[in-house]
Amino acid sequence: MVDDHEKATQYLYELALKLLELGGSDIFITAGSPPALKVNQSVRRLGDQKLRPQQAMLLVRSIMNDRQVREFDQHREVNFSLNFPDVARFRVSAFTQRGSAGMVLRLIQQRIPTIKELHLPPILQDVAMTQRGLVIFLGGTGCGKTTSMAAMVDYRNDQCQEHIITIEDPIEFFHRHKQCLVDQREVGTDTESYEVALKNTLRQAPNVILIGEVRDR
């Protein structure tokens, strides 16, 4: 199936195209199983050829940079974003299971939906424009926290002339500079940690600070 770095990257690219064709949401790579796609909330295996541990590791490492490889080797898991230009962006969660490599690639929508399109309460438009305070989004996996926050930031970006800073791990939605100046910082790439970024962000004249999903307690 794959036997070198270049072929591995090309194979993942082809899986991304297949996922888009089927209207799916996730790509699954794990040793001992064929590659699989999640379509309409069902996991569909692609063929019968199971990935060997060496193949799974090659696929996982083929899309990592040197820093991500080091983190993966040290902690046995790493999260980052992946961009296939003109095709799609993904949030990648790489991990080990039973001593072998695996990963899940979650499709990130390129276009930021509006608050109205998400059928969110209209009051969130007022919340997005709040001048002071703290807004916390809570919810289970896949319930739309990141998308909802992106919609609120985009709404404010259309309305105000301000400075918005996001700290994310990884960056999922790209925000264009509209009425606002939007600086997006990715933990591990643009900053060492949430703590370091937040400390320095307070010195960067922000009007709004968005902190992405925090998995640590």
C-alpha atoms as a PDB file:
ATOM      1  CA  MET A   1       0.000   0.000   0.000  1.00  0.00           C
ATOM      2  CA  VAL A   2       2.701   2.491   1.065  1.00  0.00           C
ATOM      3  CA  ASP A   3       6.418   1.931   1.409  1.00  0.00           C
ATOM      4  CA  ASP A   4       8.020   5.381   1.489  1.00  0.00           C
ATOM      5  CA  HIS A   5       7.396   8.897   2.784  1.00  0.00           C
ATOM      6  CA  GLU A   6       6.282  10.385  -0.542  1.00  0.00           C
ATOM      7  CA  LYS A   7       3.835   7.583  -1.303  1.00  0.00           C
ATOM      8  CA  ALA A   8       2.424   7.833   2.217  1.00  0.00           C
ATOM      9  CA  THR A   9       1.681  11.538   1.838  1.00  0.00           C
ATOM     10  CA  GLN A  10       0.127  10.958  -1.585  1.00  0.00           C
ATOM     11  CA  TYR A  11      -2.036   8.161  -0.189  1.00  0.00           C
ATOM     12  CA  LEU A  12      -3.372  10.432   2.571  1.00  0.00           C
ATOM     13  CA  TYR A  13      -4.060  13.090  -0.057  1.00  0.00           C
ATOM     14  CA  GLU A  14      -6.129  10.553  -2.009  1.00  0.00           C
ATOM     15  CA  LEU A  15      -8.001   9.597   1.171  1.00  0.00           C
ATOM     16  CA  ALA A  16      -8.804  13.283   1.695  1.00  0.00           C
ATOM     17  CA  LEU A  17     -10.258  13.498  -1.812  1.00  0.00           C
ATOM     18  CA  LYS A  18     -12.324  10.362  -1.172  1.00  0.00           C
ATOM     19  CA  LEU A  19     -13.611  11.794   2.102  1.00  0.00           C
ATOM     20  CA  LEU A  20     -14.737  14.984   0.373  1.00  0.00           C
ATOM     21  CA  GLU A  21     -16.382  12.997  -2.418  1.00  0.00           C
ATOM     22  CA  LEU A  22     -18.440  11.028   0.117  1.00  0.00           C
ATOM     23  CA  GLY A  23     -19.222  14.018   2.320  1.00  0.00           C
ATOM     24  CA  GLY A  24     -17.470  12.462   5.323  1.00  0.00           C
ATOM     25  CA  SER A  25     -15.929  13.987   8.424  1.00  0.00           C
ATOM     26  CA  ASP A  26     -12.970  11.851   9.577  1.00  0.00           C
ATOM     27  CA  ILE A  27     -10.129   9.652   8.342  1.00  0.00           C
ATOM     28  CA  PHE A  28      -8.933   6.807  10.582  1.00  0.00           C
ATOM     29  CA  ILE A  29      -5.455   5.291  10.380  1.00  0.00           C
ATOM     30  CA  THR A  30      -4.595   2.468  12.776  1.00  0.00           C
ATOM     31  CA  ALA A  31      -2.455  -0.656  12.648  1.00  0.00           C
ATOM     32  CA  GLY A  32      -4.354  -3.906  12.220  1.00  0.00           C
ATOM     33  CA  SER A  33      -7.236  -2.344  10.276  1.00  0.00           C
ATOM     34  CA  PRO A  34      -7.724  -1.004   6.763  1.00  0.00           C
ATOM     35  CA  PRO A  35      -7.887   2.801   6.549  1.00  0.00           C
ATOM     36  CA  ALA A  36     -11.411   3.997   7.279  1.00  0.00           C
ATOM     37  CA  LEU A  37     -13.639   7.028   6.763  1.00  0.00           C
ATOM     38  CA  LYS A  38     -16.510   8.310   8.867  1.00  0.00           C
ATOM     39  CA  VAL A  39     -19.486   9.103   6.640  1.00  0.00           C
ATOM     40  CA  ASN A  40     -22.940   9.900   8.032  1.00  0.00           C
ATOM     41  CA  GLN A  41     -21.719   8.912  11.507  1.00  0.00           C
ATOM     42  CA  SER A  42     -20.724   5.417  10.318  1.00  0.00           C
ATOM     43  CA  VAL A  43     -17.147   4.153  10.024  1.00  0.00           C
ATOM     44  CA  ARG A  44     -16.489   2.652   6.587  1.00  0.00           C
ATOM     45  CA  ARG A  45     -13.367   0.542   6.078  1.00  0.00           C
ATOM     46  CA  LEU A  46     -11.697   0.899   2.705  1.00  0.00           C
ATOM     47  CA  GLY A  47     -11.051  -2.595   1.414  1.00  0.00           C
ATOM     48  CA  ASP A  48      -9.723  -5.593   3.311  1.00  0.00           C
ATOM     49  CA  GLN A  49      -5.990  -4.875   3.380  1.00  0.00           C
ATOM     50  CA  LYS A  50      -4.979  -4.205   6.972  1.00  0.00           C
ATOM     51  CA  LEU A  51      -2.248  -1.710   7.756  1.00  0.00           C
ATOM     52  CA  ARG A  52       0.910  -3.219   9.188  1.00  0.00           C
ATOM     53  CA  PRO A  53       2.456  -1.365  12.154  1.00  0.00           C
ATOM     54  CA  GLN A  54       5.283  -0.102   9.930  1.00  0.00           C
ATOM     55  CA  GLN A  55       2.797   1.268   7.396  1.00  0.00           C
ATOM     56  CA  ALA A  56       0.713   2.990  10.066  1.00  0.00           C
ATOM     57  CA  MET A  57       3.830   4.627  11.503  1.00  0.00           C
ATOM     58  CA  LEU A  58       4.955   5.757   8.042  1.00  0.00           C
ATOM     59  CA  LEU A  59       1.567   7.335   7.320  1.00  0.00           C
ATOM     60  CA  VAL A  60       1.520   9.112  10.673  1.00  0.00           C
ATOM     61  CA  ARG A  61       5.059  10.484  10.394  1.00  0.00           C
ATOM     62  CA  SER A  62       4.727  11.470   6.735  1.00  0.00           C
ATOM     63  CA  ILE A  63       2.667  14.572   7.589  1.00  0.00           C
ATOM     64  CA  MET A  64       4.661  15.684  10.650  1.00  0.00           C
ATOM     65  CA  ASN A  65       7.369  18.308  10.833  1.00  0.00           C
ATOM     66  CA  ASP A  66      10.490  17.777  12.945  1.00  0.00           C
ATOM     67  CA  ARG A  67       8.970  19.355  16.070  1.00  0.00           C
ATOM     68  CA  GLN A  68       5.866  17.199  15.826  1.00  0.00           C
ATOM     69  CA  VAL A  69       7.958  14.058  15.356  1.00  0.00           C
ATOM     70  CA  ARG A  70       9.959  14.890  18.496  1.00  0.00           C
ATOM     71  CA  GLU A  71       6.792  15.500  20.512  1.00  0.00           C
ATOM     72  CA  PHE A  72       5.251  12.281  19.218  1.00  0.00           C
ATOM     73  CA  ASP A  73       8.368  10.288  20.111  1.00  0.00           C
ATOM     74  CA  GLN A  74       8.501  11.837  23.583  1.00  0.00           C
ATOM     75  CA  HIS A  75       4.819  11.805  24.565  1.00  0.00           C
ATOM     76  CA  ARG A  76       3.471   9.115  22.190  1.00  0.00           C
ATOM     77  CA  GLU A  77       0.795  11.535  20.965  1.00  0.00           C
ATOM     78  CA  VAL A  78       0.574  14.939  19.313  1.00  0.00           C
ATOM     79  CA  ASN A  79      -2.109  17.234  17.882  1.00  0.00           C
ATOM     80  CA  PHE A  80      -1.616  19.547  14.909  1.00  0.00           C
ATOM     81  CA  SER A  81      -3.314  20.912  11.813  1.00  0.00           C
ATOM     82  CA  LEU A  82      -2.714  19.676   8.264  1.00  0.00           C
ATOM     83  CA  ASN A  83      -3.369  21.594   5.070  1.00  0.00           C
ATOM     84  CA  PHE A  84      -3.720  20.013   1.636  1.00  0.00           C
ATOM     85  CA  PRO A  85      -3.712  23.189  -0.521  1.00  0.00           C
ATOM     86  CA  ASP A  86      -6.855  23.717  -2.593  1.00  0.00           C
ATOM     87  CA  VAL A  87      -8.367  20.543  -1.117  1.00  0.00           C
ATOM     88  CA  ALA A  88      -9.003  20.623   2.633  1.00  0.00           C
ATOM     89  CA  ARG A  89      -7.630  21.273   6.107  1.00  0.00           C
ATOM     90  CA  PHE A  90      -7.640  18.743   8.918  1.00  0.00           C
ATOM     91  CA  ARG A  91      -7.173  18.646  12.658  1.00  0.00           C
ATOM     92  CA  VAL A  92      -4.871  15.690  13.298  1.00  0.00           C
ATOM     93  CA  SER A  93      -4.656  13.711  16.518  1.00  0.00           C
ATOM     94  CA  ALA A  94      -1.813  11.176  16.350  1.00  0.00           C
ATOM     95  CA  PHE A  95      -1.384   8.575  19.086  1.00  0.00           C
ATOM     96  CA  THR A  96      -0.129   5.101  19.918  1.00  0.00           C
ATOM     97  CA  GLN A  97      -2.303   2.078  20.662  1.00  0.00           C
ATOM     98  CA  ARG A  98      -1.028  -1.380  21.545  1.00  0.00           C
ATOM     99  CA  GLY A  99       2.444  -0.070  20.824  1.00  0.00           C
ATOM    100  CA  SER A 100       1.620   0.972  17.247  1.00  0.00           C
ATOM    101  CA  ALA A 101       0.919   4.349  15.659  1.00  0.00           C
ATOM    102  CA  GLY A 102      -2.497   5.625  14.709  1.00  0.00           C
ATOM    103  CA  MET A 103      -4.251   8.899  13.975  1.00  0.00           C
ATOM    104  CA  VAL A 104      -7.590  10.525  13.284  1.00  0.00           C
ATOM    105  CA  LEU A 105      -7.877  13.372  10.785  1.00  0.00           C
ATOM    106  CA  ARG A 106     -10.961  15.542  11.362  1.00  0.00           C
ATOM    107  CA  LEU A 107     -12.054  17.645   8.392  1.00  0.00           C
ATOM    108  CA  ILE A 108     -12.114  21.387   9.097  1.00  0.00           C
ATOM    109  CA  GLN A 109     -14.631  23.354   7.097  1.00  0.00           C
ATOM    110  CA  GLN A 110     -12.884  26.063   5.076  1.00  0.00           C
ATOM    111  CA  ARG A 111     -15.721  28.549   5.324  1.00  0.00           C
ATOM    112  CA  ILE A 112     -16.716  29.890   8.729  1.00  0.00           C
ATOM    113  CA  PRO A 113     -20.495  29.525   9.115  1.00  0.00           C
ATOM    114  CA  THR A 114     -22.519  32.379  10.570  1.00  0.00           C
ATOM    115  CA  ILE A 115     -24.276  32.339  13.918  1.00  0.00           C
ATOM    116  CA  LYS A 116     -27.581  32.212  12.052  1.00  0.00           C
ATOM    117  CA  GLU A 117     -26.505  29.323   9.824  1.00  0.00           C
ATOM    118  CA  LEU A 118     -25.549  27.329  12.920  1.00  0.00           C
ATOM    119  CA  HIS A 119     -29.023  27.969  14.364  1.00  0.00           C
ATOM    120  CA  LEU A 120     -27.450  29.396  17.500  1.00  0.00           C
ATOM    121  CA  PRO A 121     -29.461  31.710  19.770  1.00  0.00           C
ATOM    122  CA  PRO A 122     -29.409  35.272  18.345  1.00  0.00           C
ATOM    123  CA  ILE A 123     -28.283  36.543  21.753  1.00  0.00           C
ATOM    124  CA  LEU A 124     -24.821  35.156  20.934  1.00  0.00           C
ATOM    125  CA  GLN A 125     -24.412  38.084  18.550  1.00  0.00           C
ATOM    126  CA  ASP A 126     -24.709  40.365  21.578  1.00  0.00           C
ATOM    127  CA  VAL A 127     -22.340  38.137  23.541  1.00  0.00           C
ATOM    128  CA  ALA A 128     -19.827  38.331  20.686  1.00  0.00           C
ATOM    129  CA  MET A 129     -19.882  42.122  20.943  1.00  0.00           C
ATOM    130  CA  THR A 130     -19.417  42.254  24.732  1.00  0.00           C
ATOM    131  CA  GLN A 131     -16.713  44.726  25.766  1.00  0.00           C
ATOM    132  CA  ARG A 132     -15.829  43.067  29.087  1.00  0.00           C
ATOM    133  CA  GLY A 133     -16.203  39.683  30.682  1.00  0.00           C
ATOM    134  CA  LEU A 134     -15.473  35.992  30.203  1.00  0.00           C
ATOM    135  CA  VAL A 135     -17.349  33.635  27.875  1.00  0.00           C
ATOM    136  CA  ILE A 136     -16.832  29.888  28.363  1.00  0.00           C
ATOM    137  CA  PHE A 137     -17.975  27.199  25.916  1.00  0.00           C
ATOM    138  CA  LEU A 138     -18.545  23.731  27.385  1.00  0.00           C
ATOM    139  CA  GLY A 139     -19.742  20.578  25.686  1.00  0.00           C
ATOM    140  CA  GLY A 140     -18.959  17.077  24.560  1.00  0.00           C
ATOM    141  CA  THR A 141     -16.708  16.032  21.700  1.00  0.00           C
ATOM    142  CA  GLY A 142     -18.019  17.067  18.303  1.00  0.00           C
ATOM    143  CA  CYS A 143     -20.857  19.233  19.614  1.00  0.00           C
ATOM    144  CA  GLY A 144     -19.644  22.361  17.815  1.00  0.00           C
ATOM    145  CA  LYS A 145     -17.711  24.364  20.406  1.00  0.00           C
ATOM    146  CA  THR A 146     -14.902  25.387  18.059  1.00  0.00           C
ATOM    147  CA  THR A 147     -17.251  26.178  15.173  1.00  0.00           C
ATOM    148  CA  SER A 148     -19.518  28.256  17.411  1.00  0.00           C
ATOM    149  CA  MET A 149     -16.587  30.270  18.753  1.00  0.00           C
ATOM    150  CA  ALA A 150     -15.270  30.812  15.236  1.00  0.00           C
ATOM    151  CA  ALA A 151     -18.682  32.114  14.154  1.00  0.00           C
ATOM    152  CA  MET A 152     -18.729  34.581  17.051  1.00  0.00           C
ATOM    153  CA  VAL A 153     -15.210  35.819  16.313  1.00  0.00           C
ATOM    154  CA  ASP A 154     -16.108  36.208  12.643  1.00  0.00           C
ATOM    155  CA  TYR A 155     -19.223  38.192  13.564  1.00  0.00           C
ATOM    156  CA  ARG A 156     -17.161  40.605  15.637  1.00  0.00           C
ATOM    157  CA  ASN A 157     -14.561  40.731  12.880  1.00  0.00           C
ATOM    158  CA  ASP A 158     -17.289  42.062  10.572  1.00  0.00           C
ATOM    159  CA  GLN A 159     -18.521  44.687  13.017  1.00  0.00           C
ATOM    160  CA  CYS A 160     -15.566  46.277  14.833  1.00  0.00           C
ATOM    161  CA  GLN A 161     -12.157  47.795  14.206  1.00  0.00           C
ATOM    162  CA  GLU A 162     -10.235  46.009  16.924  1.00  0.00           C
ATOM    163  CA  HIS A 163      -7.386  43.604  17.655  1.00  0.00           C
ATOM    164  CA  ILE A 164      -8.375  39.950  18.133  1.00  0.00           C
ATOM    165  CA  ILE A 165      -5.834  37.347  19.267  1.00  0.00           C
ATOM    166  CA  THR A 166      -6.529  33.611  19.253  1.00  0.00           C
ATOM    167  CA  ILE A 167      -4.419  30.970  21.000  1.00  0.00           C
ATOM    168  CA  GLU A 168      -5.206  27.500  19.684  1.00  0.00           C
ATOM    169  CA  ASP A 169      -3.872  23.942  19.651  1.00  0.00           C
ATOM    170  CA  PRO A 170      -4.071  23.555  16.723  1.00  0.00           C
ATOM    171  CA  ILE A 171      -5.457  26.446  14.662  1.00  0.00           C
ATOM    172  CA  GLU A 172      -8.601  25.176  12.964  1.00  0.00           C
ATOM    173  CA  PHE A 173     -10.457  28.009  11.230  1.00  0.00           C
ATOM    174  CA  PHE A 174      -8.431  30.692   9.458  1.00  0.00           C
ATOM    175  CA  HIS A 175      -9.755  34.203  10.139  1.00  0.00           C
ATOM    176  CA  ARG A 176      -9.147  36.870   7.511  1.00  0.00           C
ATOM    177  CA  HIS A 177      -8.388  40.450   8.476  1.00  0.00           C
ATOM    178  CA  LYS A 178     -11.751  42.124   7.874  1.00  0.00           C
ATOM    179  CA  GLN A 179     -12.683  45.089  10.040  1.00  0.00           C
ATOM    180  CA  CYS A 180     -10.463  43.665  12.768  1.00  0.00           C
ATOM    181  CA  LEU A 181      -6.812  42.691  12.851  1.00  0.00           C
ATOM    182  CA  VAL A 182      -6.806  38.993  13.774  1.00  0.00           C
ATOM    183  CA  ASP A 183      -3.591  37.341  14.987  1.00  0.00           C
ATOM    184  CA  GLN A 184      -3.759  33.563  15.400  1.00  0.00           C
ATOM    185  CA  ARG A 185      -1.112  31.729  17.424  1.00  0.00           C
ATOM    186  CA  GLU A 186      -0.697  27.963  17.452  1.00  0.00           C
ATOM    187  CA  VAL A 187       0.675  26.291  20.566  1.00  0.00           C
ATOM    188  CA  GLY A 188       3.889  24.459  19.760  1.00  0.00           C
ATOM    189  CA  THR A 189       4.455  26.398  16.536  1.00  0.00           C
ATOM    190  CA  ASP A 190       3.993  30.082  17.357  1.00  0.00           C
ATOM    191  CA  THR A 191       4.257  29.837  21.133  1.00  0.00           C
ATOM    192  CA  GLU A 192       5.535  27.400  23.739  1.00  0.00           C
ATOM    193  CA  SER A 193       2.288  26.952  25.669  1.00  0.00           C
ATOM    194  CA  TYR A 194      -1.082  28.458  26.479  1.00  0.00           C
ATOM    195  CA  GLU A 195       0.408  29.935  29.651  1.00  0.00           C
ATOM    196  CA  VAL A 196       3.304  31.669  27.898  1.00  0.00           C
ATOM    197  CA  ALA A 197       1.091  32.939  25.085  1.00  0.00           C
ATOM    198  CA  LEU A 198      -1.552  34.323  27.431  1.00  0.00           C
ATOM    199  CA  LYS A 199       1.034  36.092  29.573  1.00  0.00           C
ATOM    200  CA  ASN A 200       2.481  37.873  26.547  1.00  0.00           C
ATOM    201  CA  THR A 201      -0.856  38.460  24.827  1.00  0.00           C
ATOM    202  CA  LEU A 202      -1.789  40.867  27.603  1.00  0.00           C
ATOM    203  CA  ARG A 203       1.086  43.066  26.381  1.00  0.00           C
ATOM    204  CA  GLN A 204      -0.137  43.058  22.772  1.00  0.00           C
ATOM    205  CA  ALA A 205      -3.086  45.458  23.123  1.00  0.00           C
ATOM    206  CA  PRO A 206      -5.868  42.911  22.533  1.00  0.00           C
ATOM    207  CA  ASN A 207      -9.552  43.759  22.535  1.00  0.00           C
ATOM    208  CA  VAL A 208     -10.545  40.092  22.379  1.00  0.00           C
ATOM    209  CA  ILE A 209      -8.591  36.977  23.373  1.00  0.00           C
ATOM    210  CA  LEU A 210      -9.876  33.583  22.267  1.00  0.00           C
ATOM    211  CA  ILE A 211      -8.362  30.523  23.922  1.00  0.00           C
ATOM    212  CA  GLY A 212      -9.095  27.317  22.040  1.00  0.00           C
ATOM    213  CA  GLU A 213      -9.875  23.905  23.455  1.00  0.00           C
ATOM    214  CA  VAL A 214      -7.919  23.327  26.667  1.00  0.00           C
ATOM    215  CA  ARG A 215      -7.588  19.632  27.476  1.00  0.00           C
ATOM    216  CA  ASP A 216      -5.478  19.997  30.629  1.00  0.00           C
ATOM    217  CA  ARG A 217      -7.092  20.594  34.001  1.00  0.00           C
END
